[in-house]
Amino acid sequence: MEMIAFVAPATLVLGAALFAAGVLSFLDIHFFKTRLAERAALAAGLALIVLAELIFASSNMSMRFLNGQRSDVLECRLDAETALPEERHKDSPLMQNRVVECMKRFGYEWTPNHERCKEAAVTTNPFCYLPTRGFDRAVTELLMMLE
């Protein structure tokens, strides 16, 4: 089991506690001696909550970003093989087009620029696609770079 299963929840709980202590200071319930410490707790709590989400979203346990992309490629391949069983073991343009169109429906575009795509530029290679949405694209590119 990954270490992330322990780190993300602990970070989330600590962040929530700090955030709650910061918010309660606005209701005249003080856990810290100074206003600066209360505001720092609020900011640190919020930062830890965001960090916990980023840790989890980029881990192997998440089905978002690169892992989700791998899953979507497999689903598209299964869809193509189910629809065109006679083309399954051929290097069929029909099969390739169907996978690319399926990935477009999932919100990806074919981009054969990544090094691992250049090694095997086939439609079932998840490194040959990038999400069309900006944030997802940036995170996926980062994860691909670290892969």
Protein backbone atom coordinates (compact mmCIF):
# COMPACT_ATOMS: atom_id res chain seq x y z
CA MET A 1 0.00 0.00 0.00
CA GLU A 2 1.23 3.44 -0.80
CA MET A 3 2.35 5.86 1.86
CA ILE A 4 -0.17 8.30 0.42
CA ALA A 5 -2.96 6.40 2.17
CA PHE A 6 -1.56 7.68 5.47
CA VAL A 7 -0.14 11.07 4.48
CA ALA A 8 -3.17 12.53 2.69
CA PRO A 9 -5.70 11.90 5.49
CA ALA A 10 -3.31 13.18 8.17
CA THR A 11 -2.65 16.32 6.14
CA LEU A 12 -6.37 16.79 5.60
CA VAL A 13 -7.21 16.42 9.32
CA LEU A 14 -4.44 18.80 10.40
CA GLY A 15 -5.51 21.30 7.75
CA ALA A 16 -9.15 21.08 8.80
CA ALA A 17 -8.25 21.60 12.47
CA LEU A 18 -6.14 24.66 11.72
CA PHE A 19 -8.76 26.06 9.37
CA ALA A 20 -11.52 25.53 11.97
CA ALA A 21 -9.44 27.23 14.68
CA GLY A 22 -8.90 30.18 12.33
CA VAL A 23 -12.59 30.44 11.44
CA LEU A 24 -13.65 30.18 15.10
CA SER A 25 -11.50 33.20 15.90
CA PHE A 26 -14.00 35.27 13.90
CA LEU A 27 -16.68 34.10 16.34
CA ASP A 28 -14.62 35.24 19.34
CA ILE A 29 -13.48 31.73 20.22
CA HIS A 30 -9.71 31.95 20.47
CA PHE A 31 -7.24 29.07 20.40
CA PHE A 32 -4.20 31.25 19.79
CA LYS A 33 -2.78 34.20 21.71
CA THR A 34 -2.51 36.68 18.83
CA ARG A 35 -4.60 37.62 15.82
CA LEU A 36 -1.61 37.01 13.59
CA ALA A 37 -1.41 33.41 14.81
CA GLU A 38 -5.14 32.94 14.19
CA ARG A 39 -4.90 34.27 10.64
CA ALA A 40 -1.80 32.18 10.02
CA ALA A 41 -3.69 29.10 11.23
CA LEU A 42 -6.55 29.90 8.86
CA ALA A 43 -4.19 30.30 5.90
CA ALA A 44 -2.09 27.26 6.80
CA GLY A 45 -5.20 25.13 7.29
CA LEU A 46 -6.55 26.09 3.90
CA ALA A 47 -3.16 25.45 2.29
CA LEU A 48 -2.95 21.98 3.89
CA ILE A 49 -6.44 21.09 2.70
CA VAL A 50 -5.53 22.07 -0.88
CA LEU A 51 -2.21 20.21 -0.55
CA ALA A 52 -3.99 17.05 0.64
CA GLU A 53 -6.26 17.17 -2.41
CA LEU A 54 -3.31 17.65 -4.75
CA ILE A 55 -1.41 14.79 -3.09
CA PHE A 56 -4.34 12.45 -3.50
CA ALA A 57 -5.28 13.59 -7.00
CA SER A 58 -1.77 13.00 -8.31
CA SER A 59 -1.25 9.67 -6.55
CA ASN A 60 -1.71 6.20 -8.02
CA MET A 61 -4.90 5.85 -5.98
CA SER A 62 -6.65 8.56 -7.97
CA MET A 63 -8.54 7.88 -11.17
CA ARG A 64 -7.97 11.41 -12.38
CA PHE A 65 -5.35 12.86 -14.63
CA LEU A 66 -2.86 10.30 -16.02
CA ASN A 67 -4.41 7.26 -14.32
CA GLY A 68 -7.85 8.27 -15.54
CA GLN A 69 -6.41 8.76 -18.99
CA ARG A 70 -5.02 5.22 -18.97
CA SER A 71 -8.42 3.92 -17.93
CA ASP A 72 -10.17 5.90 -20.67
CA VAL A 73 -7.78 4.54 -23.33
CA LEU A 74 -8.52 0.98 -22.21
CA GLU A 75 -12.26 1.67 -22.28
CA CYS A 76 -12.00 3.10 -25.80
CA ARG A 77 -9.95 0.12 -26.95
CA LEU A 78 -12.54 -2.28 -25.51
CA ASP A 79 -15.30 -0.31 -27.22
CA ALA A 80 -13.48 -0.48 -30.56
CA GLU A 81 -12.70 -4.19 -30.25
CA THR A 82 -16.29 -4.95 -29.28
CA ALA A 83 -17.69 -2.96 -32.20
CA LEU A 84 -15.17 -4.28 -34.73
CA PRO A 85 -14.16 -7.82 -33.66
CA GLU A 86 -12.92 -8.76 -37.14
CA GLU A 87 -10.40 -5.88 -37.03
CA ARG A 88 -9.02 -6.79 -33.60
CA HIS A 89 -5.65 -8.28 -34.56
CA LYS A 90 -4.98 -6.10 -37.57
CA ASP A 91 -3.34 -2.72 -37.75
CA SER A 92 -6.69 -1.38 -38.87
CA PRO A 93 -7.27 2.33 -39.58
CA LEU A 94 -10.93 1.74 -38.66
CA MET A 95 -9.91 0.59 -35.19
CA GLN A 96 -7.45 3.44 -34.75
CA ASN A 97 -9.98 6.06 -35.83
CA ARG A 98 -12.59 4.62 -33.50
CA VAL A 99 -10.22 4.81 -30.50
CA VAL A 100 -9.20 8.39 -31.33
CA GLU A 101 -12.85 9.45 -31.74
CA CYS A 102 -13.75 7.80 -28.46
CA MET A 103 -10.93 9.63 -26.70
CA LYS A 104 -12.19 12.91 -28.22
CA ARG A 105 -15.59 12.20 -26.67
CA PHE A 106 -13.85 11.73 -23.30
CA GLY A 107 -12.18 15.14 -23.73
CA TYR A 108 -8.70 14.28 -25.02
CA GLU A 109 -6.79 15.24 -28.12
CA TRP A 110 -4.21 13.20 -30.00
CA THR A 111 -0.76 14.73 -29.38
CA PRO A 112 2.18 12.54 -30.39
CA ASN A 113 4.80 14.94 -28.95
CA HIS A 114 5.64 13.06 -25.74
CA GLU A 115 8.81 10.96 -25.82
CA ARG A 116 6.98 7.77 -24.81
CA CYS A 117 4.44 8.34 -27.56
CA LYS A 118 7.23 8.68 -30.12
CA GLU A 119 8.51 5.26 -29.01
CA ALA A 120 5.12 3.69 -29.81
CA ALA A 121 2.76 6.06 -31.59
CA VAL A 122 -0.31 3.85 -31.45
CA THR A 123 -3.83 4.92 -30.57
CA THR A 124 -3.85 2.81 -27.42
CA ASN A 125 -0.81 4.56 -25.92
CA PRO A 126 -2.08 6.92 -23.16
CA PHE A 127 1.02 9.11 -23.58
CA CYS A 128 -0.24 10.10 -27.03
CA TYR A 129 -3.22 12.03 -25.63
CA LEU A 130 -3.67 15.16 -23.53
CA PRO A 131 -6.85 16.47 -21.91
CA THR A 132 -8.44 19.46 -23.63
CA ARG A 133 -9.23 21.26 -20.34
CA GLY A 134 -6.43 23.56 -19.19
CA PHE A 135 -5.91 22.51 -15.55
CA ASP A 136 -6.20 18.79 -16.31
CA ARG A 137 -3.78 19.23 -19.20
CA ALA A 138 -1.19 21.00 -17.03
CA VAL A 139 -1.35 18.38 -14.26
CA THR A 140 -1.27 15.49 -16.75
CA GLU A 141 1.75 16.98 -18.53
CA LEU A 142 3.51 17.30 -15.17
CA LEU A 143 2.69 13.68 -14.26
CA MET A 144 3.88 12.50 -17.67
CA MET A 145 7.13 14.37 -17.19
CA LEU A 146 7.64 12.68 -13.80
CA GLU A 147 6.70 9.23 -15.11
